[in-house]
N, C-alpha and C. Protein backbone atom coordinates (compact mmCIF):
# COMPACT_ATOMS: atom_id res chain seq x y z
N MET A 1 125.49 102.74 79.03
CA MET A 1 124.60 101.62 79.31
C MET A 1 123.16 102.09 79.07
N GLN A 2 122.52 101.59 78.04
CA GLN A 2 121.15 101.97 77.69
C GLN A 2 120.19 100.87 78.15
N LEU A 3 119.92 100.86 79.42
CA LEU A 3 119.08 99.82 80.01
C LEU A 3 118.07 100.50 80.92
N THR A 4 116.78 100.30 80.64
CA THR A 4 115.72 100.94 81.42
C THR A 4 114.67 99.89 81.76
N GLN A 5 114.12 99.99 82.97
CA GLN A 5 113.04 99.09 83.37
C GLN A 5 111.78 99.47 82.61
N ASP A 6 111.19 98.49 81.93
CA ASP A 6 109.96 98.74 81.18
C ASP A 6 108.81 99.00 82.13
N LYS A 7 107.76 99.60 81.61
CA LYS A 7 106.61 100.00 82.44
C LYS A 7 106.00 98.83 83.20
N ASP A 8 105.79 97.71 82.54
CA ASP A 8 105.14 96.56 83.17
C ASP A 8 106.14 95.50 83.62
N GLU A 9 107.41 95.80 83.56
CA GLU A 9 108.45 94.83 83.93
C GLU A 9 108.61 94.79 85.45
N LEU A 10 108.62 93.60 85.99
CA LEU A 10 108.84 93.43 87.43
C LEU A 10 110.28 93.80 87.77
N LEU A 11 110.48 94.27 88.99
CA LEU A 11 111.81 94.63 89.44
C LEU A 11 112.74 93.43 89.36
N LYS A 12 112.23 92.26 89.69
CA LYS A 12 113.02 91.03 89.64
C LYS A 12 113.57 90.80 88.23
N ASP A 13 112.74 90.99 87.22
CA ASP A 13 113.16 90.78 85.84
C ASP A 13 114.16 91.85 85.39
N PHE A 14 113.91 93.08 85.82
CA PHE A 14 114.83 94.16 85.46
C PHE A 14 116.20 93.94 86.08
N ILE A 15 116.25 93.56 87.35
CA ILE A 15 117.54 93.36 88.01
C ILE A 15 118.28 92.19 87.38
N ALA A 16 117.57 91.14 86.99
CA ALA A 16 118.21 90.01 86.32
C ALA A 16 118.80 90.46 84.98
N ARG A 17 118.07 91.26 84.25
CA ARG A 17 118.55 91.77 82.96
C ARG A 17 119.74 92.71 83.18
N PHE A 18 119.64 93.57 84.18
CA PHE A 18 120.72 94.49 84.53
C PHE A 18 121.99 93.71 84.87
N ASN A 19 121.84 92.65 85.63
CA ASN A 19 122.97 91.83 86.04
C ASN A 19 123.64 91.18 84.82
N ARG A 20 122.82 90.65 83.90
CA ARG A 20 123.38 90.02 82.69
C ARG A 20 124.18 91.03 81.87
N VAL A 21 123.64 92.23 81.74
CA VAL A 21 124.33 93.26 80.95
C VAL A 21 125.63 93.70 81.62
N THR A 22 125.58 93.91 82.92
CA THR A 22 126.78 94.39 83.61
C THR A 22 127.88 93.34 83.69
N LEU A 23 127.51 92.06 83.63
CA LEU A 23 128.54 91.01 83.64
C LEU A 23 129.43 91.09 82.40
N GLY A 24 128.90 91.63 81.33
CA GLY A 24 129.66 91.74 80.09
C GLY A 24 130.54 92.98 80.02
N ILE A 25 130.51 93.83 81.02
CA ILE A 25 131.30 95.07 81.01
C ILE A 25 132.56 94.86 81.84
N LYS A 26 133.70 95.01 81.19
CA LYS A 26 134.98 94.85 81.89
C LYS A 26 135.27 96.09 82.72
N GLU A 27 135.82 95.87 83.88
CA GLU A 27 136.25 96.94 84.78
C GLU A 27 135.14 97.96 85.05
N LEU A 28 133.97 97.47 85.37
CA LEU A 28 132.84 98.34 85.70
C LEU A 28 133.02 98.88 87.11
N HIS A 29 132.99 100.19 87.25
CA HIS A 29 133.09 100.81 88.57
C HIS A 29 131.74 100.71 89.28
N MET A 30 131.77 100.43 90.56
CA MET A 30 130.52 100.27 91.32
C MET A 30 129.70 101.55 91.34
N SER A 31 130.35 102.69 91.39
CA SER A 31 129.60 103.94 91.40
C SER A 31 128.80 104.10 90.10
N THR A 32 129.37 103.63 89.00
CA THR A 32 128.67 103.68 87.71
C THR A 32 127.48 102.73 87.71
N ALA A 33 127.67 101.53 88.26
CA ALA A 33 126.60 100.54 88.31
C ALA A 33 125.45 101.03 89.19
N VAL A 34 125.77 101.60 90.34
CA VAL A 34 124.74 102.09 91.27
C VAL A 34 123.99 103.26 90.64
N THR A 35 124.72 104.17 90.01
CA THR A 35 124.08 105.32 89.36
C THR A 35 123.17 104.85 88.23
N ALA A 36 123.63 103.88 87.46
CA ALA A 36 122.82 103.35 86.36
C ALA A 36 121.55 102.67 86.91
N MET A 37 121.69 101.91 87.97
CA MET A 37 120.54 101.23 88.57
C MET A 37 119.55 102.26 89.12
N MET A 38 120.06 103.28 89.78
CA MET A 38 119.19 104.32 90.35
C MET A 38 118.42 105.07 89.27
N SER A 39 119.08 105.38 88.19
CA SER A 39 118.43 106.18 87.16
C SER A 39 117.53 105.36 86.24
N ARG A 40 117.68 104.05 86.23
CA ARG A 40 116.93 103.21 85.28
C ARG A 40 115.80 102.39 85.89
N THR A 41 115.76 102.29 87.22
CA THR A 41 114.67 101.53 87.84
C THR A 41 113.46 102.43 88.05
N ARG A 42 112.28 101.82 88.02
CA ARG A 42 111.04 102.56 88.22
C ARG A 42 110.57 102.49 89.68
N ASN A 43 111.18 101.62 90.48
CA ASN A 43 110.78 101.42 91.86
C ASN A 43 111.35 102.55 92.72
N ARG A 44 110.48 103.44 93.13
CA ARG A 44 110.88 104.64 93.87
C ARG A 44 111.56 104.31 95.19
N HIS A 45 111.04 103.32 95.91
CA HIS A 45 111.62 102.96 97.21
C HIS A 45 113.02 102.36 97.06
N PHE A 46 113.19 101.55 96.03
CA PHE A 46 114.50 100.96 95.76
C PHE A 46 115.50 102.06 95.40
N LYS A 47 115.06 103.02 94.61
CA LYS A 47 115.92 104.16 94.25
C LYS A 47 116.40 104.90 95.50
N MET A 48 115.47 105.17 96.41
CA MET A 48 115.82 105.89 97.64
C MET A 48 116.80 105.09 98.47
N SER A 49 116.59 103.79 98.53
CA SER A 49 117.48 102.93 99.30
C SER A 49 118.89 102.94 98.71
N LEU A 50 118.97 102.91 97.38
CA LEU A 50 120.28 102.94 96.73
C LEU A 50 121.02 104.24 97.02
N SER A 51 120.27 105.32 97.10
CA SER A 51 120.92 106.61 97.36
C SER A 51 121.39 106.73 98.82
N LYS A 52 120.71 106.06 99.73
CA LYS A 52 121.08 106.12 101.15
C LYS A 52 122.18 105.12 101.49
N ASN A 53 122.06 103.90 100.96
CA ASN A 53 122.99 102.83 101.29
C ASN A 53 123.84 102.49 100.07
N LEU A 54 124.97 103.12 99.95
CA LEU A 54 125.82 102.89 98.79
C LEU A 54 126.43 101.49 98.85
N SER A 55 126.32 100.78 97.76
CA SER A 55 126.84 99.42 97.68
C SER A 55 128.30 99.46 97.22
N ASN A 56 129.14 98.63 97.86
CA ASN A 56 130.55 98.55 97.48
C ASN A 56 130.81 97.44 96.49
N THR A 57 129.91 96.46 96.45
CA THR A 57 130.08 95.34 95.52
C THR A 57 128.77 95.08 94.79
N MET A 58 128.87 94.37 93.69
CA MET A 58 127.67 94.02 92.93
C MET A 58 126.78 93.10 93.76
N HIS A 59 127.38 92.26 94.57
CA HIS A 59 126.62 91.37 95.45
C HIS A 59 125.74 92.18 96.41
N GLU A 60 126.29 93.21 97.00
CA GLU A 60 125.52 94.07 97.91
C GLU A 60 124.37 94.77 97.17
N LEU A 61 124.65 95.21 95.97
CA LEU A 61 123.62 95.87 95.16
C LEU A 61 122.46 94.93 94.87
N LEU A 62 122.78 93.71 94.48
CA LEU A 62 121.73 92.73 94.17
C LEU A 62 121.00 92.28 95.43
N ARG A 63 121.72 92.14 96.53
CA ARG A 63 121.09 91.74 97.79
C ARG A 63 120.12 92.82 98.28
N ASN A 64 120.49 94.07 98.10
CA ASN A 64 119.61 95.19 98.46
C ASN A 64 118.35 95.14 97.59
N GLY A 65 118.51 94.81 96.33
CA GLY A 65 117.37 94.72 95.42
C GLY A 65 116.40 93.60 95.79
N GLU A 66 116.92 92.53 96.39
CA GLU A 66 116.06 91.39 96.76
C GLU A 66 114.95 91.81 97.71
N LYS A 67 115.24 92.69 98.63
CA LYS A 67 114.22 93.16 99.59
C LYS A 67 113.04 93.80 98.85
N TYR A 68 113.36 94.58 97.85
CA TYR A 68 112.33 95.29 97.11
C TYR A 68 111.62 94.38 96.11
N MET A 69 112.34 93.37 95.62
CA MET A 69 111.69 92.37 94.77
C MET A 69 110.65 91.59 95.58
N ASP A 70 111.02 91.20 96.79
CA ASP A 70 110.09 90.46 97.65
C ASP A 70 108.88 91.31 98.01
N ALA A 71 109.12 92.58 98.31
CA ALA A 71 108.02 93.48 98.66
C ALA A 71 107.07 93.66 97.46
N GLU A 72 107.63 93.79 96.27
CA GLU A 72 106.82 93.96 95.07
C GLU A 72 105.99 92.69 94.82
N GLU A 73 106.60 91.55 95.00
CA GLU A 73 105.89 90.28 94.81
C GLU A 73 104.76 90.11 95.82
N ALA A 74 105.02 90.45 97.07
CA ALA A 74 103.98 90.37 98.11
C ALA A 74 102.83 91.32 97.80
N TYR A 75 103.14 92.51 97.32
CA TYR A 75 102.11 93.47 96.95
C TYR A 75 101.24 92.92 95.83
N LEU A 76 101.87 92.31 94.82
CA LEU A 76 101.10 91.77 93.70
C LEU A 76 100.21 90.61 94.13
N ILE A 77 100.70 89.80 95.07
CA ILE A 77 99.90 88.68 95.57
C ILE A 77 98.69 89.20 96.33
N THR A 78 98.90 90.15 97.22
CA THR A 78 97.77 90.67 98.00
C THR A 78 96.81 91.46 97.11
N LYS A 79 97.33 92.12 96.11
CA LYS A 79 96.46 92.83 95.16
C LYS A 79 95.59 91.83 94.40
N GLY A 80 96.17 90.70 94.02
CA GLY A 80 95.42 89.65 93.33
C GLY A 80 94.35 89.04 94.22
N MET A 81 94.63 88.96 95.52
CA MET A 81 93.65 88.40 96.45
C MET A 81 92.47 89.35 96.62
N LYS A 82 92.72 90.65 96.55
CA LYS A 82 91.64 91.62 96.67
C LYS A 82 90.74 91.61 95.45
N ASP A 83 91.29 91.25 94.29
CA ASP A 83 90.52 91.24 93.06
C ASP A 83 89.61 90.02 92.93
N GLU A 84 89.85 88.98 93.75
CA GLU A 84 89.02 87.78 93.70
C GLU A 84 87.65 88.07 94.30
N PRO A 85 86.64 87.28 93.92
CA PRO A 85 85.32 87.47 94.52
C PRO A 85 85.39 87.25 96.02
N LYS A 86 84.60 88.02 96.77
CA LYS A 86 84.65 87.96 98.23
C LYS A 86 84.01 86.70 98.78
N SER A 87 82.98 86.20 98.13
CA SER A 87 82.27 85.04 98.65
C SER A 87 82.88 83.76 98.12
N ASN A 88 83.38 82.94 99.02
CA ASN A 88 83.91 81.65 98.65
C ASN A 88 82.91 80.54 98.95
N LYS A 89 81.71 80.93 99.32
CA LYS A 89 80.67 79.98 99.66
C LYS A 89 80.21 79.26 98.40
N ARG A 90 80.13 77.95 98.49
CA ARG A 90 79.67 77.17 97.34
C ARG A 90 78.17 77.32 97.19
N LYS A 91 77.73 77.41 95.96
CA LYS A 91 76.29 77.48 95.71
C LYS A 91 75.76 76.07 95.55
N ILE A 92 74.65 75.82 96.19
CA ILE A 92 74.00 74.53 96.11
C ILE A 92 72.93 74.63 95.03
N PRO A 93 72.90 73.68 94.10
CA PRO A 93 71.89 73.75 93.05
C PRO A 93 70.48 73.82 93.65
N GLY A 94 69.68 74.74 93.14
CA GLY A 94 68.31 74.91 93.61
C GLY A 94 68.20 75.84 94.80
N GLU A 95 69.32 76.34 95.30
CA GLU A 95 69.29 77.25 96.44
C GLU A 95 68.80 78.62 95.97
N LEU A 96 67.99 79.26 96.79
CA LEU A 96 67.45 80.56 96.44
C LEU A 96 68.52 81.63 96.56
N GLU A 97 68.52 82.56 95.64
CA GLU A 97 69.42 83.70 95.70
C GLU A 97 68.89 84.70 96.72
N PRO A 98 69.75 85.41 97.44
CA PRO A 98 69.27 86.42 98.38
C PRO A 98 68.54 87.54 97.64
N GLN A 99 67.48 88.02 98.25
CA GLN A 99 66.70 89.07 97.63
C GLN A 99 67.12 90.42 98.18
N ASN A 100 67.17 91.41 97.31
CA ASN A 100 67.56 92.75 97.72
C ASN A 100 66.38 93.55 98.27
N ASN A 101 65.17 93.13 97.97
CA ASN A 101 63.99 93.91 98.37
C ASN A 101 63.22 93.20 99.48
N ARG A 102 63.86 92.82 100.53
CA ARG A 102 63.23 92.04 101.60
C ARG A 102 62.11 92.79 102.30
N GLY A 103 62.25 94.07 102.52
CA GLY A 103 61.27 94.83 103.27
C GLY A 103 60.11 95.37 102.43
N ARG A 104 60.20 95.24 101.13
CA ARG A 104 59.17 95.81 100.26
C ARG A 104 58.04 94.83 100.02
N LEU A 105 56.89 95.37 99.91
CA LEU A 105 55.73 94.55 99.57
C LEU A 105 55.71 94.36 98.05
N THR A 106 55.50 93.14 97.63
CA THR A 106 55.37 92.87 96.22
C THR A 106 53.96 92.42 95.93
N GLN A 107 53.64 92.28 94.69
CA GLN A 107 52.31 91.83 94.29
C GLN A 107 51.99 90.47 94.89
N ASP A 108 52.97 89.58 94.95
CA ASP A 108 52.77 88.24 95.49
C ASP A 108 52.46 88.29 96.99
N LYS A 109 53.11 89.18 97.75
CA LYS A 109 52.91 89.27 99.18
C LYS A 109 51.56 89.91 99.53
N MET A 110 51.04 90.74 98.63
CA MET A 110 49.77 91.40 98.89
C MET A 110 48.59 90.45 98.75
N LYS A 111 48.71 89.39 98.06
CA LYS A 111 47.58 88.47 97.81
C LYS A 111 47.31 87.59 98.98
């Protein structure tokens, strides 16, 4: 089975692709499927979970993956929120911009 999670591929997409490929394999042993998933996924935490909690069925394997898919999605959402501008305050046309040099004397203030 030559299936590897791509660098920018989400775990959700990889597991869906993995599932499609494994459905086409007759008499697939679960130990082979788990080993293939462990060696081909890039998600370190999911790998560790697979090694600790051996799945007896494909359903268990996919259900275990759902936890890590949800965690990855939540991480991406919060990461996206951090990248947004911090100020959500609407600017009013004609409103003065805050000045960075409030304490300094300028030529205008000296007159």
